[in-house]
Amino acid sequence: MQLSDDLNELRTSLALLNEEHRDLDSAISALIETGASDQIKIARLKKRKLSLKDKIAKLQNRIIPDIIA
């Protein structure tokens, strides 16, 4: 049961990170489309988005490990 619970927890975390990643993508696109001149804010959002992408990749690897046969 513990393994199943851990896997469900990882999947939940992964879903939340994916949602936040999509939200950041939308926010960045909106700022760029409106011609916002706050390049520092855009850069920070992009950095956060990249960090989330790394976390997502790590969680995906924990859920589905890359096993070399």
N, C-alpha and C. Protein backbone atom coordinates (compact mmCIF):
# COMPACT_ATOMS: atom_id res chain seq x y z
N MET A 1 0.82 -1.20 0.00
CA MET A 1 0.00 0.00 0.00
C MET A 1 0.86 1.26 0.00
N GLN A 2 1.99 1.24 0.69
CA GLN A 2 2.85 2.41 0.80
C GLN A 2 3.36 2.86 -0.57
N LEU A 3 3.75 1.91 -1.41
CA LEU A 3 4.25 2.23 -2.74
C LEU A 3 3.17 2.92 -3.57
N SER A 4 1.95 2.42 -3.47
CA SER A 4 0.83 3.00 -4.20
C SER A 4 0.55 4.42 -3.72
N ASP A 5 0.61 4.62 -2.40
CA ASP A 5 0.39 5.95 -1.84
C ASP A 5 1.47 6.92 -2.29
N ASP A 6 2.73 6.46 -2.29
CA ASP A 6 3.84 7.31 -2.73
C ASP A 6 3.68 7.68 -4.20
N LEU A 7 3.28 6.71 -5.01
CA LEU A 7 3.10 6.96 -6.44
C LEU A 7 1.97 7.97 -6.68
N ASN A 8 0.89 7.83 -5.93
CA ASN A 8 -0.22 8.78 -6.05
C ASN A 8 0.21 10.18 -5.63
N GLU A 9 1.02 10.25 -4.58
CA GLU A 9 1.51 11.55 -4.12
C GLU A 9 2.41 12.19 -5.17
N LEU A 10 3.26 11.39 -5.80
CA LEU A 10 4.13 11.91 -6.86
C LEU A 10 3.31 12.40 -8.04
N ARG A 11 2.29 11.65 -8.40
CA ARG A 11 1.44 12.05 -9.53
C ARG A 11 0.68 13.33 -9.23
N THR A 12 0.23 13.48 -7.99
CA THR A 12 -0.46 14.70 -7.59
C THR A 12 0.48 15.90 -7.66
N SER A 13 1.68 15.71 -7.14
CA SER A 13 2.69 16.78 -7.20
C SER A 13 3.01 17.14 -8.64
N LEU A 14 3.13 16.13 -9.47
CA LEU A 14 3.44 16.35 -10.88
C LEU A 14 2.32 17.15 -11.56
N ALA A 15 1.09 16.82 -11.27
CA ALA A 15 -0.05 17.54 -11.85
C ALA A 15 -0.05 19.01 -11.41
N LEU A 16 0.25 19.26 -10.15
CA LEU A 16 0.29 20.63 -9.65
C LEU A 16 1.41 21.44 -10.31
N LEU A 17 2.58 20.80 -10.46
CA LEU A 17 3.70 21.49 -11.10
C LEU A 17 3.40 21.77 -12.57
N ASN A 18 2.77 20.82 -13.25
CA ASN A 18 2.40 21.03 -14.65
C ASN A 18 1.41 22.18 -14.78
N GLU A 19 0.47 22.25 -13.86
CA GLU A 19 -0.51 23.34 -13.89
C GLU A 19 0.17 24.69 -13.67
N GLU A 20 1.07 24.75 -12.70
CA GLU A 20 1.80 26.00 -12.44
C GLU A 20 2.66 26.39 -13.65
N HIS A 21 3.26 25.40 -14.30
CA HIS A 21 4.08 25.64 -15.48
C HIS A 21 3.24 26.25 -16.60
N ARG A 22 2.04 25.69 -16.82
CA ARG A 22 1.13 26.23 -17.84
C ARG A 22 0.69 27.65 -17.50
N ASP A 23 0.41 27.88 -16.20
CA ASP A 23 0.00 29.22 -15.78
C ASP A 23 1.10 30.24 -16.02
N LEU A 24 2.34 29.86 -15.71
CA LEU A 24 3.46 30.76 -15.96
C LEU A 24 3.63 31.03 -17.45
N ASP A 25 3.45 30.01 -18.26
CA ASP A 25 3.55 30.18 -19.70
C ASP A 25 2.51 31.19 -20.19
N SER A 26 1.30 31.07 -19.67
CA SER A 26 0.24 32.01 -20.04
C SER A 26 0.57 33.43 -19.57
N ALA A 27 1.07 33.54 -18.36
CA ALA A 27 1.41 34.86 -17.82
C ALA A 27 2.53 35.52 -18.62
N ILE A 28 3.53 34.73 -18.97
CA ILE A 28 4.65 35.26 -19.76
C ILE A 28 4.14 35.72 -21.13
N SER A 29 3.33 34.90 -21.76
CA SER A 29 2.78 35.25 -23.08
C SER A 29 1.95 36.51 -23.00
N ALA A 30 1.15 36.63 -21.96
CA ALA A 30 0.30 37.82 -21.80
C ALA A 30 1.15 39.08 -21.62
N LEU A 31 2.21 38.98 -20.83
CA LEU A 31 3.08 40.14 -20.62
C LEU A 31 3.77 40.54 -21.92
N ILE A 32 4.20 39.57 -22.68
CA ILE A 32 4.88 39.87 -23.94
C ILE A 32 3.90 40.47 -24.94
N GLU A 33 2.70 39.91 -25.02
CA GLU A 33 1.70 40.40 -25.98
C GLU A 33 1.24 41.82 -25.67
N THR A 34 1.17 42.16 -24.39
CA THR A 34 0.73 43.51 -24.02
C THR A 34 1.84 44.52 -24.16
N GLY A 35 3.04 44.05 -24.50
CA GLY A 35 4.16 44.96 -24.67
C GLY A 35 4.68 45.49 -23.35
N ALA A 36 4.49 44.73 -22.30
CA ALA A 36 4.98 45.14 -20.98
C ALA A 36 6.49 45.32 -21.06
N SER A 37 6.95 46.42 -20.53
CA SER A 37 8.37 46.73 -20.62
C SER A 37 9.14 46.22 -19.40
N ASP A 38 8.48 45.48 -18.55
CA ASP A 38 9.13 44.97 -17.34
C ASP A 38 9.89 43.68 -17.68
N GLN A 39 11.04 43.84 -18.31
CA GLN A 39 11.84 42.70 -18.74
C GLN A 39 12.37 41.89 -17.56
N ILE A 40 12.58 42.54 -16.44
CA ILE A 40 13.08 41.83 -15.26
C ILE A 40 12.01 40.85 -14.75
N LYS A 41 10.77 41.31 -14.73
CA LYS A 41 9.69 40.44 -14.29
C LYS A 41 9.53 39.25 -15.25
N ILE A 42 9.60 39.51 -16.54
CA ILE A 42 9.50 38.44 -17.53
C ILE A 42 10.64 37.44 -17.36
N ALA A 43 11.84 37.95 -17.14
CA ALA A 43 13.01 37.08 -16.95
C ALA A 43 12.84 36.21 -15.70
N ARG A 44 12.32 36.80 -14.63
CA ARG A 44 12.10 36.03 -13.40
C ARG A 44 11.06 34.93 -13.60
N LEU A 45 9.99 35.27 -14.32
CA LEU A 45 8.97 34.27 -14.61
C LEU A 45 9.52 33.14 -15.47
N LYS A 46 10.35 33.50 -16.44
CA LYS A 46 10.97 32.47 -17.29
C LYS A 46 11.91 31.58 -16.48
N LYS A 47 12.63 32.18 -15.56
CA LYS A 47 13.54 31.40 -14.71
C LYS A 47 12.74 30.45 -13.81
N ARG A 48 11.64 30.93 -13.27
CA ARG A 48 10.77 30.08 -12.45
C ARG A 48 10.18 28.95 -13.29
N LYS A 49 9.79 29.26 -14.51
CA LYS A 49 9.22 28.26 -15.40
C LYS A 49 10.26 27.18 -15.71
N LEU A 50 11.50 27.57 -15.95
CA LEU A 50 12.57 26.61 -16.21
C LEU A 50 12.83 25.73 -14.99
N SER A 51 12.79 26.33 -13.81
CA SER A 51 12.96 25.58 -12.57
C SER A 51 11.86 24.54 -12.42
N LEU A 52 10.63 24.93 -12.73
CA LEU A 52 9.51 24.00 -12.66
C LEU A 52 9.69 22.86 -13.66
N LYS A 53 10.19 23.18 -14.84
CA LYS A 53 10.41 22.16 -15.86
C LYS A 53 11.40 21.11 -15.35
N ASP A 54 12.45 21.56 -14.66
CA ASP A 54 13.43 20.64 -14.08
C ASP A 54 12.79 19.76 -13.02
N LYS A 55 11.97 20.35 -12.17
CA LYS A 55 11.29 19.58 -11.12
C LYS A 55 10.33 18.55 -11.73
N ILE A 56 9.64 18.97 -12.79
CA ILE A 56 8.71 18.07 -13.47
C ILE A 56 9.48 16.87 -14.05
N ALA A 57 10.62 17.13 -14.67
CA ALA A 57 11.42 16.05 -15.25
C ALA A 57 11.89 15.08 -14.17
N LYS A 58 12.30 15.60 -13.02
CA LYS A 58 12.75 14.74 -11.93
C LYS A 58 11.61 13.86 -11.41
N LEU A 59 10.44 14.45 -11.26
CA LEU A 59 9.30 13.67 -10.79
C LEU A 59 8.89 12.61 -11.82
N GLN A 60 8.92 12.99 -13.08
CA GLN A 60 8.59 12.01 -14.12
C GLN A 60 9.56 10.84 -14.11
N ASN A 61 10.82 11.12 -13.87
CA ASN A 61 11.82 10.06 -13.79
C ASN A 61 11.62 9.17 -12.57
N ARG A 62 11.10 9.73 -11.50
CA ARG A 62 10.82 8.92 -10.31
C ARG A 62 9.59 8.04 -10.54
N ILE A 63 8.62 8.54 -11.30
CA ILE A 63 7.43 7.77 -11.58
C ILE A 63 7.70 6.68 -12.61
N ILE A 64 8.40 7.07 -13.68
CA ILE A 64 8.73 6.14 -14.76
C ILE A 64 10.24 6.17 -14.95
N PRO A 65 10.97 5.34 -14.21
CA PRO A 65 12.43 5.36 -14.31
C PRO A 65 12.91 4.89 -15.68
N ASP A 66 14.00 5.45 -16.12
CA ASP A 66 14.60 5.08 -17.40
C ASP A 66 15.50 3.87 -17.17
N ILE A 67 14.94 2.70 -17.38
CA ILE A 67 15.66 1.46 -17.11
C ILE A 67 16.29 0.97 -18.42
N ILE A 68 17.59 0.81 -18.37
CA ILE A 68 18.30 0.28 -19.53
C ILE A 68 18.36 -1.24 -19.40
N ALA A 69 17.77 -1.93 -20.36
CA ALA A 69 17.71 -3.39 -20.28
C ALA A 69 18.99 -4.03 -20.77
